[in-house]
Protein backbone atom coordinates (compact mmCIF):
# COMPACT_ATOMS: atom_id res chain seq x y z
CA MET A 1 76.80 91.19 127.87
CA ARG A 2 76.86 94.22 125.94
CA ALA A 3 74.43 92.37 123.34
CA ALA A 4 72.06 92.25 126.65
CA LEU A 5 71.81 95.60 127.73
CA VAL A 6 71.74 96.78 124.90
CA ALA A 7 68.18 95.03 124.05
CA LEU A 8 67.53 96.29 127.93
CA THR A 9 68.44 99.57 126.49
CA ALA A 10 66.18 99.85 123.29
CA ALA A 11 63.45 98.04 125.22
CA THR A 12 63.21 100.66 127.88
CA VAL A 13 63.25 103.27 125.47
CA LEU A 14 59.99 102.00 123.68
CA GLY A 15 58.66 100.79 126.70
CA VAL A 16 58.41 104.54 127.62
CA ALA A 17 57.58 105.71 124.16
CA GLY A 18 54.20 103.24 124.03
CA ALA A 19 53.68 104.20 128.00
CA THR A 20 53.42 107.84 126.59
CA VAL A 21 51.64 107.14 123.33
CA ALA A 22 49.28 105.19 125.25
CA HIS A 23 48.57 107.62 127.91
CA ALA A 24 47.90 110.49 125.72
CA LEU A 25 45.31 108.38 124.13
CA VAL A 26 43.64 107.38 127.01
CA GLY A 27 44.85 109.73 129.22
CA ARG A 28 42.24 112.33 127.88
CA SER A 29 39.19 111.18 129.65
CA ALA A 30 37.52 113.37 131.31
CA PRO A 31 37.98 113.33 135.71
CA PRO A 32 34.28 111.93 137.16
CA ALA A 33 31.48 114.93 137.42
CA LEU A 34 30.81 116.56 140.60
CA PRO A 35 27.43 115.80 141.74
CA ASP A 36 25.06 118.55 141.27
CA LEU A 37 23.74 118.94 144.37
CA HIS A 38 25.33 117.87 148.37
CA GLY A 39 22.61 117.02 149.64
CA GLN A 40 22.64 113.51 151.76
CA VAL A 41 20.49 112.38 149.61
CA SER A 42 19.30 114.10 146.04
CA TRP A 43 16.20 112.77 143.24
CA LYS A 44 16.55 113.36 139.74
CA PRO A 45 13.58 116.20 138.53
CA GLY A 46 10.28 114.36 138.99
CA THR A 47 10.85 111.43 141.09
CA ARG A 48 9.32 112.80 144.36
CA ILE A 49 6.93 115.92 144.14
CA ALA A 50 6.57 118.90 146.36
CA PRO A 51 3.47 119.00 148.79
CA ALA A 52 0.52 121.07 146.86
CA ASP A 53 1.56 123.93 149.31
CA VAL A 54 4.70 124.26 147.99
CA PRO A 55 4.82 127.78 145.92
CA ARG A 56 5.55 126.71 142.39
CA GLY A 57 7.64 129.35 140.12
CA ARG A 58 10.50 129.96 142.90
CA THR A 59 13.03 127.48 145.09
CA ALA A 60 11.66 126.09 148.11
CA VAL A 61 12.75 125.26 151.72
CA LEU A 62 11.12 122.42 153.71
CA ALA A 63 11.85 123.07 156.64
CA LEU A 64 10.32 119.47 158.77
CA LEU A 65 11.25 120.49 162.55
CA ALA A 66 11.06 118.16 165.35
CA PRO A 67 9.52 120.41 168.71
CA ARG A 68 12.92 119.45 170.98
CA CYS A 69 14.80 120.72 167.42
CA ARG A 70 16.25 124.12 169.55
CA ASP A 71 19.17 124.99 167.45
CA CYS A 72 17.21 123.83 164.15
CA LEU A 73 15.41 126.84 162.93
CA ALA A 74 18.90 129.06 163.88
CA GLU A 75 20.36 126.97 161.34
CA LEU A 76 18.11 127.22 159.28
CA ARG A 77 18.02 130.89 159.43
CA TYR A 78 21.61 131.41 159.43
CA THR A 79 21.75 129.45 156.21
CA LEU A 80 19.57 131.43 154.52
CA ASP A 81 20.73 134.76 155.88
CA GLN A 82 23.72 133.92 153.74
CA LEU A 83 22.18 134.10 150.57
CA PRO A 84 21.30 137.57 148.17
CA ALA A 85 17.63 138.43 148.94
CA ARG A 86 17.15 137.51 144.64
CA LEU A 87 17.76 134.03 145.74
CA GLN A 88 15.93 133.92 148.88
CA PRO A 89 13.86 130.94 148.82
CA THR A 90 10.15 130.45 149.80
CA VAL A 91 10.18 128.77 153.33
CA VAL A 92 7.43 126.26 154.47
CA ARG A 93 7.47 125.12 157.92
CA ARG A 94 6.02 121.73 159.14
CA ALA A 95 6.30 120.30 162.42
CA ALA A 96 8.51 116.94 162.37
CA THR A 97 7.67 113.33 164.40
CA GLY A 98 11.41 112.33 164.08
CA THR A 99 14.39 113.60 162.77
CA SER A 100 14.79 117.57 161.74
CA LEU A 101 14.42 117.58 157.51
CA LEU A 102 15.60 119.99 155.02
CA LEU A 103 14.16 119.45 151.68
CA LEU A 104 14.75 122.02 148.54
CA VAL A 105 12.13 122.27 146.27
CA ASP A 106 13.40 123.60 142.36
CA LYS A 107 10.89 125.78 140.26
CA GLN A 108 8.92 123.25 138.92
CA GLY A 109 8.14 122.21 142.32
CA ASN A 110 10.15 119.29 142.52
CA VAL A 111 12.17 117.77 145.74
CA ARG A 112 15.50 117.91 144.74
CA THR A 113 17.48 117.07 147.69
CA GLY A 114 17.96 116.81 151.41
CA TYR A 115 19.95 117.25 154.14
CA ALA A 116 18.84 116.13 158.34
CA PHE A 117 19.84 118.37 160.68
CA PRO A 118 22.91 119.51 161.89
CA PHE A 119 24.43 119.62 158.31
CA GLN A 120 26.61 122.04 156.46
CA PRO A 121 25.55 125.62 155.37
CA VAL A 122 27.52 125.99 152.79
CA PHE A 123 26.13 122.70 150.91
CA VAL A 124 22.95 124.17 151.53
CA ASP A 125 24.27 127.36 150.33
CA GLY A 126 25.05 126.33 147.10
CA ASP A 127 22.05 124.00 145.80
CA LEU A 128 20.24 126.76 146.55
CA ARG A 129 21.98 128.33 144.55
CA THR A 130 22.13 125.58 142.27
CA LEU A 131 18.34 125.06 141.96
CA ALA A 132 17.40 128.72 141.30
CA ARG A 133 19.60 129.17 138.17
């Protein structure tokens, strides 16, 4: 009985030591990276080119607004008013036939992320700040 207890204790100590070493070696991997952009859909640069009338050289917002979406323009204005003047994007408005959408365009003219209305202003704000860098 005593030999079994000693063996069990030794196995426990070795198991804890092995788990500690394994965690130290394997557990150092970096946590998964969060996405750079937080829109409901995002694209890599060069995947979707913005229309020609969206200016290049600074970030832009392509707002596709449905005629019946009365609150969409107010939501867009509120969100953009939260940004400092140096980060204000160029806004291009177009009429939409269906759902109102907001597309964020980087300085090179690539559509990078999109939102359907209503959206969380803090995410649009963060994405515009990311694209302005």
